[in-house]
Each structure stands twice: as structure tokens, then as C-alpha cells.
Amino acid sequence: MGLLGKESSRDVARADAFKVWISARPGHAIISLCSGVVAVLDAFTLVIGIAAGLLAIIAGLQGLGRIQSQPQLLGKRLCIAGMVLGSLGIVLSLVLWFVVYPMLSQQ
């Protein structure tokens, strides 16, 4: 569907290409990447940073397992990127809360 009017054949082709891209990857891979990004961007809040990081790691592991059991699926790099970002978000969150914020409160 076109954003501001009639949809063109280019819009339909783009939507079909996106459907193919999404259906070739497990949902865990996309969830892992999205929650990894949230973990890094929200590392300054301890609860959300760690929770999103753990979700990214768990979803990434599940996605990798599903990719191994169904070789036609793609998305291994999405899973790995999500797990790396999730781990980075957890580390950043812990460093901010237990190193940086106590140093700032002492001044």
C-alpha cells in the first residue's frame, strides 16, 4: 500500500521482496537483533539493559538452533549480531551502574 496515495507496482514489488526476506529467517533472529539494539541503547537503565541483553542472547541461541535443524533458513549473522549486542548491552549496563555512576555520586 502506498504511503500517500495509490500503491504502485514498485511498492508491491518492495512488499513482496520484504515478505520473502522475512520468511527466510527465523523470528528468533530478528527478535535477537532488535533486543540487542535495545540493550545497547538502554544500557543506562540497569533492568532494561540486562533484560533486553538476556533476551537477545537467549533468542539468538534459539535462532541458531533452529537454523541448524532447518538448513534452508537464513539469519545466522542476525543471531550472532543480536547475541554480541546483547552481551555488550549487559556489560555496558553493569559498568555504568557499578563503576561510572558511583564515581559520579562521589563528586
N, C-alpha and C. Protein backbone atom coordinates (compact mmCIF):
# COMPACT_ATOMS: atom_id res chain seq x y z
N MET A 1 0.84 -1.16 0.00
CA MET A 1 0.00 0.00 0.00
C MET A 1 0.89 1.23 0.00
N GLY A 2 0.53 2.17 -0.82
CA GLY A 2 1.29 3.40 -0.91
C GLY A 2 1.10 4.24 0.34
N LEU A 3 2.11 4.97 0.71
CA LEU A 3 2.04 5.77 1.92
C LEU A 3 1.09 6.95 1.75
N LEU A 4 1.21 7.64 0.64
CA LEU A 4 0.38 8.83 0.43
C LEU A 4 -0.38 8.74 -0.89
N GLY A 5 -1.14 7.70 -1.07
CA GLY A 5 -1.92 7.59 -2.30
C GLY A 5 -1.98 6.16 -2.79
N LYS A 6 -2.14 6.03 -4.08
CA LYS A 6 -2.24 4.70 -4.68
C LYS A 6 -0.90 3.99 -4.60
N GLU A 7 -1.00 2.67 -4.41
CA GLU A 7 0.25 1.93 -4.40
C GLU A 7 0.67 1.63 -5.83
N SER A 8 1.95 1.72 -6.07
CA SER A 8 2.48 1.48 -7.40
C SER A 8 3.00 0.05 -7.49
N SER A 9 3.38 -0.33 -8.66
CA SER A 9 3.95 -1.67 -8.84
C SER A 9 5.28 -1.79 -8.11
N ARG A 10 5.97 -0.68 -7.97
CA ARG A 10 7.23 -0.68 -7.21
C ARG A 10 6.96 -0.95 -5.73
N ASP A 11 5.90 -0.38 -5.19
CA ASP A 11 5.52 -0.64 -3.79
C ASP A 11 5.18 -2.11 -3.58
N VAL A 12 4.45 -2.68 -4.51
CA VAL A 12 4.06 -4.09 -4.41
C VAL A 12 5.30 -4.98 -4.49
N ALA A 13 6.22 -4.66 -5.41
CA ALA A 13 7.44 -5.45 -5.53
C ALA A 13 8.29 -5.36 -4.27
N ARG A 14 8.36 -4.17 -3.69
CA ARG A 14 9.14 -3.99 -2.45
C ARG A 14 8.52 -4.78 -1.31
N ALA A 15 7.19 -4.77 -1.20
CA ALA A 15 6.50 -5.52 -0.15
C ALA A 15 6.69 -7.02 -0.34
N ASP A 16 6.64 -7.49 -1.58
CA ASP A 16 6.86 -8.92 -1.84
C ASP A 16 8.29 -9.33 -1.51
N ALA A 17 9.26 -8.48 -1.83
CA ALA A 17 10.65 -8.78 -1.51
C ALA A 17 10.86 -8.84 0.00
N PHE A 18 10.18 -7.95 0.73
CA PHE A 18 10.30 -7.96 2.19
C PHE A 18 9.67 -9.22 2.78
N LYS A 19 8.54 -9.67 2.22
CA LYS A 19 7.91 -10.90 2.69
C LYS A 19 8.83 -12.09 2.49
N VAL A 20 9.50 -12.14 1.36
CA VAL A 20 10.45 -13.23 1.09
C VAL A 20 11.61 -13.17 2.07
N TRP A 21 12.12 -11.96 2.34
CA TRP A 21 13.25 -11.80 3.25
C TRP A 21 12.87 -12.25 4.66
N ILE A 22 11.71 -11.84 5.12
CA ILE A 22 11.26 -12.19 6.47
C ILE A 22 11.01 -13.69 6.60
N SER A 23 10.37 -14.28 5.61
CA SER A 23 10.01 -15.70 5.72
C SER A 23 11.22 -16.61 5.63
N ALA A 24 12.35 -16.12 5.13
CA ALA A 24 13.56 -16.94 5.03
C ALA A 24 14.37 -16.94 6.33
N ARG A 25 13.96 -16.18 7.31
CA ARG A 25 14.69 -16.08 8.57
C ARG A 25 13.78 -16.44 9.73
N PRO A 26 14.35 -17.11 10.75
CA PRO A 26 13.52 -17.42 11.92
C PRO A 26 13.21 -16.14 12.70
N GLY A 27 12.07 -16.12 13.35
CA GLY A 27 11.70 -14.96 14.15
C GLY A 27 12.65 -14.70 15.29
N HIS A 28 13.28 -15.75 15.80
CA HIS A 28 14.24 -15.58 16.89
C HIS A 28 15.42 -14.70 16.48
N ALA A 29 15.83 -14.79 15.21
CA ALA A 29 16.96 -13.98 14.75
C ALA A 29 16.61 -12.50 14.77
N ILE A 30 15.42 -12.17 14.33
CA ILE A 30 15.00 -10.77 14.30
C ILE A 30 14.77 -10.24 15.71
N ILE A 31 14.17 -11.07 16.57
CA ILE A 31 13.98 -10.67 17.97
C ILE A 31 15.32 -10.46 18.65
N SER A 32 16.28 -11.35 18.37
CA SER A 32 17.60 -11.23 18.97
C SER A 32 18.27 -9.92 18.58
N LEU A 33 18.22 -9.59 17.30
CA LEU A 33 18.85 -8.36 16.85
C LEU A 33 18.18 -7.13 17.44
N CYS A 34 16.86 -7.10 17.41
CA CYS A 34 16.13 -5.94 17.94
C CYS A 34 16.36 -5.75 19.44
N SER A 35 16.31 -6.84 20.20
CA SER A 35 16.51 -6.69 21.64
C SER A 35 17.98 -6.41 21.96
N GLY A 36 18.91 -6.85 21.12
CA GLY A 36 20.31 -6.48 21.30
C GLY A 36 20.53 -5.00 21.12
N VAL A 37 19.89 -4.43 20.12
CA VAL A 37 19.98 -2.99 19.90
C VAL A 37 19.37 -2.23 21.09
N VAL A 38 18.24 -2.70 21.58
CA VAL A 38 17.61 -2.07 22.75
C VAL A 38 18.52 -2.17 23.97
N ALA A 39 19.19 -3.31 24.13
CA ALA A 39 20.08 -3.48 25.28
C ALA A 39 21.23 -2.48 25.25
N VAL A 40 21.79 -2.24 24.08
CA VAL A 40 22.90 -1.28 23.98
C VAL A 40 22.40 0.15 24.17
N LEU A 41 21.29 0.47 23.53
CA LEU A 41 20.78 1.85 23.62
C LEU A 41 20.22 2.18 25.00
N ASP A 42 19.77 1.17 25.72
CA ASP A 42 19.17 1.41 27.03
C ASP A 42 20.05 0.86 28.15
N ALA A 43 21.35 0.86 27.95
CA ALA A 43 22.26 0.33 28.95
C ALA A 43 22.30 1.17 30.22
N PHE A 44 21.90 2.43 30.12
CA PHE A 44 21.94 3.29 31.30
C PHE A 44 20.88 2.94 32.32
N THR A 45 19.89 2.15 31.94
CA THR A 45 18.92 1.64 32.91
C THR A 45 19.27 0.18 33.17
N LEU A 46 19.51 -0.16 34.38
CA LEU A 46 20.02 -1.49 34.72
C LEU A 46 19.04 -2.59 34.33
N VAL A 47 17.78 -2.43 34.66
CA VAL A 47 16.81 -3.51 34.44
C VAL A 47 16.57 -3.76 32.96
N ILE A 48 16.31 -2.71 32.19
CA ILE A 48 16.00 -2.89 30.78
C ILE A 48 17.24 -3.33 30.01
N GLY A 49 18.38 -2.78 30.32
CA GLY A 49 19.61 -3.16 29.62
C GLY A 49 19.95 -4.62 29.80
N ILE A 50 19.86 -5.10 31.02
CA ILE A 50 20.19 -6.51 31.29
C ILE A 50 19.09 -7.43 30.77
N ALA A 51 17.84 -7.07 30.95
CA ALA A 51 16.74 -7.92 30.48
C ALA A 51 16.75 -8.04 28.96
N ALA A 52 16.94 -6.93 28.27
CA ALA A 52 16.98 -6.98 26.81
C ALA A 52 18.21 -7.74 26.33
N GLY A 53 19.33 -7.60 27.04
CA GLY A 53 20.53 -8.35 26.68
C GLY A 53 20.35 -9.84 26.85
N LEU A 54 19.73 -10.24 27.95
CA LEU A 54 19.47 -11.66 28.15
C LEU A 54 18.50 -12.21 27.11
N LEU A 55 17.48 -11.43 26.78
CA LEU A 55 16.54 -11.84 25.74
C LEU A 55 17.25 -12.00 24.40
N ALA A 56 18.16 -11.09 24.09
CA ALA A 56 18.91 -11.17 22.83
C ALA A 56 19.76 -12.43 22.78
N ILE A 57 20.41 -12.76 23.89
CA ILE A 57 21.27 -13.94 23.90
C ILE A 57 20.44 -15.21 23.80
N ILE A 58 19.36 -15.29 24.56
CA ILE A 58 18.51 -16.49 24.54
C ILE A 58 17.86 -16.67 23.17
N ALA A 59 17.31 -15.59 22.61
CA ALA A 59 16.67 -15.68 21.30
C ALA A 59 17.69 -16.01 20.22
N GLY A 60 18.89 -15.47 20.33
CA GLY A 60 19.94 -15.78 19.36
C GLY A 60 20.34 -17.24 19.40
N LEU A 61 20.46 -17.79 20.59
CA LEU A 61 20.79 -19.22 20.71
C LEU A 61 19.68 -20.10 20.15
N GLN A 62 18.45 -19.74 20.44
CA GLN A 62 17.32 -20.50 19.90
C GLN A 62 17.26 -20.38 18.38
N GLY A 63 17.54 -19.19 17.86
CA GLY A 63 17.56 -19.00 16.41
C GLY A 63 18.65 -19.81 15.74
N LEU A 64 19.84 -19.84 16.36
CA LEU A 64 20.92 -20.64 15.80
C LEU A 64 20.57 -22.13 15.81
N GLY A 65 19.93 -22.58 16.87
CA GLY A 65 19.49 -23.97 16.93
C GLY A 65 18.48 -24.30 15.85
N ARG A 66 17.57 -23.38 15.62
CA ARG A 66 16.56 -23.60 14.58
C ARG A 66 17.19 -23.57 13.19
N ILE A 67 18.18 -22.71 12.99
CA ILE A 67 18.87 -22.66 11.70
C ILE A 67 19.65 -23.95 11.46
N GLN A 68 20.25 -24.50 12.50
CA GLN A 68 20.98 -25.76 12.34
C GLN A 68 20.05 -26.92 12.04
N SER A 69 18.86 -26.91 12.61
CA SER A 69 17.93 -28.01 12.37
C SER A 69 17.19 -27.86 11.04
N GLN A 70 17.07 -26.64 10.54
CA GLN A 70 16.42 -26.39 9.25
C GLN A 70 17.39 -25.60 8.37
N PRO A 71 18.26 -26.29 7.62
CA PRO A 71 19.32 -25.61 6.87
C PRO A 71 18.84 -24.63 5.80
N GLN A 72 17.59 -24.68 5.39
CA GLN A 72 17.11 -23.75 4.37
C GLN A 72 16.91 -22.35 4.93
N LEU A 73 16.86 -22.22 6.26
CA LEU A 73 16.68 -20.90 6.88
C LEU A 73 17.98 -20.10 6.85
N LEU A 74 17.84 -18.81 6.74
CA LEU A 74 18.96 -17.88 6.80
C LEU A 74 18.88 -17.13 8.12
N GLY A 75 19.86 -16.30 8.39
CA GLY A 75 19.79 -15.44 9.57
C GLY A 75 20.83 -15.73 10.63
N LYS A 76 21.84 -16.51 10.30
CA LYS A 76 22.88 -16.82 11.29
C LYS A 76 23.59 -15.55 11.75
N ARG A 77 23.88 -14.66 10.81
CA ARG A 77 24.56 -13.41 11.18
C ARG A 77 23.68 -12.51 12.02
N LEU A 78 22.36 -12.54 11.80
CA LEU A 78 21.45 -11.76 12.64
C LEU A 78 21.49 -12.27 14.08
N CYS A 79 21.49 -13.60 14.23
CA CYS A 79 21.55 -14.19 15.58
C CYS A 79 22.84 -13.81 16.28
N ILE A 80 23.95 -13.93 15.56
CA ILE A 80 25.26 -13.62 16.16
C ILE A 80 25.34 -12.14 16.51
N ALA A 81 24.87 -11.28 15.62
CA ALA A 81 24.89 -9.84 15.91
C ALA A 81 24.01 -9.51 17.11
N GLY A 82 22.86 -10.15 17.21
CA GLY A 82 21.99 -9.92 18.36
C GLY A 82 22.63 -10.37 19.66
N MET A 83 23.30 -11.53 19.63
CA MET A 83 23.95 -12.01 20.85
C MET A 83 25.13 -11.12 21.24
N VAL A 84 25.89 -10.64 20.26
CA VAL A 84 27.00 -9.74 20.56
C VAL A 84 26.49 -8.42 21.13
N LEU A 85 25.46 -7.86 20.51
CA LEU A 85 24.89 -6.61 21.02
C LEU A 85 24.26 -6.80 22.40
N GLY A 86 23.61 -7.94 22.63
CA GLY A 86 23.04 -8.23 23.94
C GLY A 86 24.11 -8.33 25.01
N SER A 87 25.20 -9.01 24.69
CA SER A 87 26.32 -9.12 25.65
C SER A 87 26.93 -7.76 25.92
N LEU A 88 27.10 -6.97 24.87
CA LEU A 88 27.64 -5.63 25.04
C LEU A 88 26.72 -4.75 25.88
N GLY A 89 25.42 -4.88 25.67
CA GLY A 89 24.46 -4.13 26.47
C GLY A 89 24.52 -4.50 27.95
N ILE A 90 24.67 -5.80 28.24
CA ILE A 90 24.78 -6.24 29.63
C ILE A 90 26.05 -5.68 30.26
N VAL A 91 27.17 -5.78 29.55
CA VAL A 91 28.44 -5.28 30.09
C VAL A 91 28.38 -3.77 30.29
N LEU A 92 27.86 -3.05 29.32
CA LEU A 92 27.74 -1.59 29.46
C LEU A 92 26.85 -1.22 30.64
N SER A 93 25.76 -1.93 30.80
CA SER A 93 24.85 -1.64 31.89
C SER A 93 25.53 -1.86 33.24
N LEU A 94 26.23 -2.97 33.37
CA LEU A 94 26.92 -3.26 34.64
C LEU A 94 28.04 -2.26 34.91
N VAL A 95 28.79 -1.90 33.87
CA VAL A 95 29.87 -0.92 34.05
C VAL A 95 29.30 0.44 34.45
N LEU A 96 28.23 0.85 33.79
CA LEU A 96 27.63 2.14 34.14
C LEU A 96 27.14 2.16 35.58
N TRP A 97 26.45 1.11 35.99
CA TRP A 97 25.83 1.11 37.31
C TRP A 97 26.81 0.86 38.45
N PHE A 98 27.85 0.09 38.20
CA PHE A 98 28.75 -0.26 39.31
C PHE A 98 30.10 0.44 39.26
N VAL A 99 30.38 1.17 38.18
CA VAL A 99 31.66 1.89 38.09
C VAL A 99 31.43 3.38 37.87
N VAL A 100 30.71 3.74 36.83
CA VAL A 100 30.57 5.14 36.45
C VAL A 100 29.66 5.89 37.40
N TYR A 101 28.46 5.38 37.64
CA TYR A 101 27.52 6.11 38.49
C TYR A 101 28.04 6.28 39.93
N PRO A 102 28.69 5.28 40.56
CA PRO A 102 29.26 5.55 41.89
C PRO A 102 30.37 6.60 41.87
N MET A 103 31.15 6.63 40.77
CA MET A 103 32.18 7.67 40.67
C MET A 103 31.57 9.05 40.55
N LEU A 104 30.47 9.16 39.83
CA LEU A 104 29.81 10.45 39.69
C LEU A 104 29.14 10.90 40.98
N SER A 105 28.66 9.96 41.77
CA SER A 105 28.00 10.34 43.01
C SER A 105 28.98 10.77 44.10
N GLN A 106 30.23 10.40 43.96
CA GLN A 106 31.25 10.80 44.94
C GLN A 106 31.69 12.25 44.74
N GLN A 107 31.49 12.78 43.57
CA GLN A 107 31.96 14.15 43.30
C GLN A 107 31.03 15.18 43.83
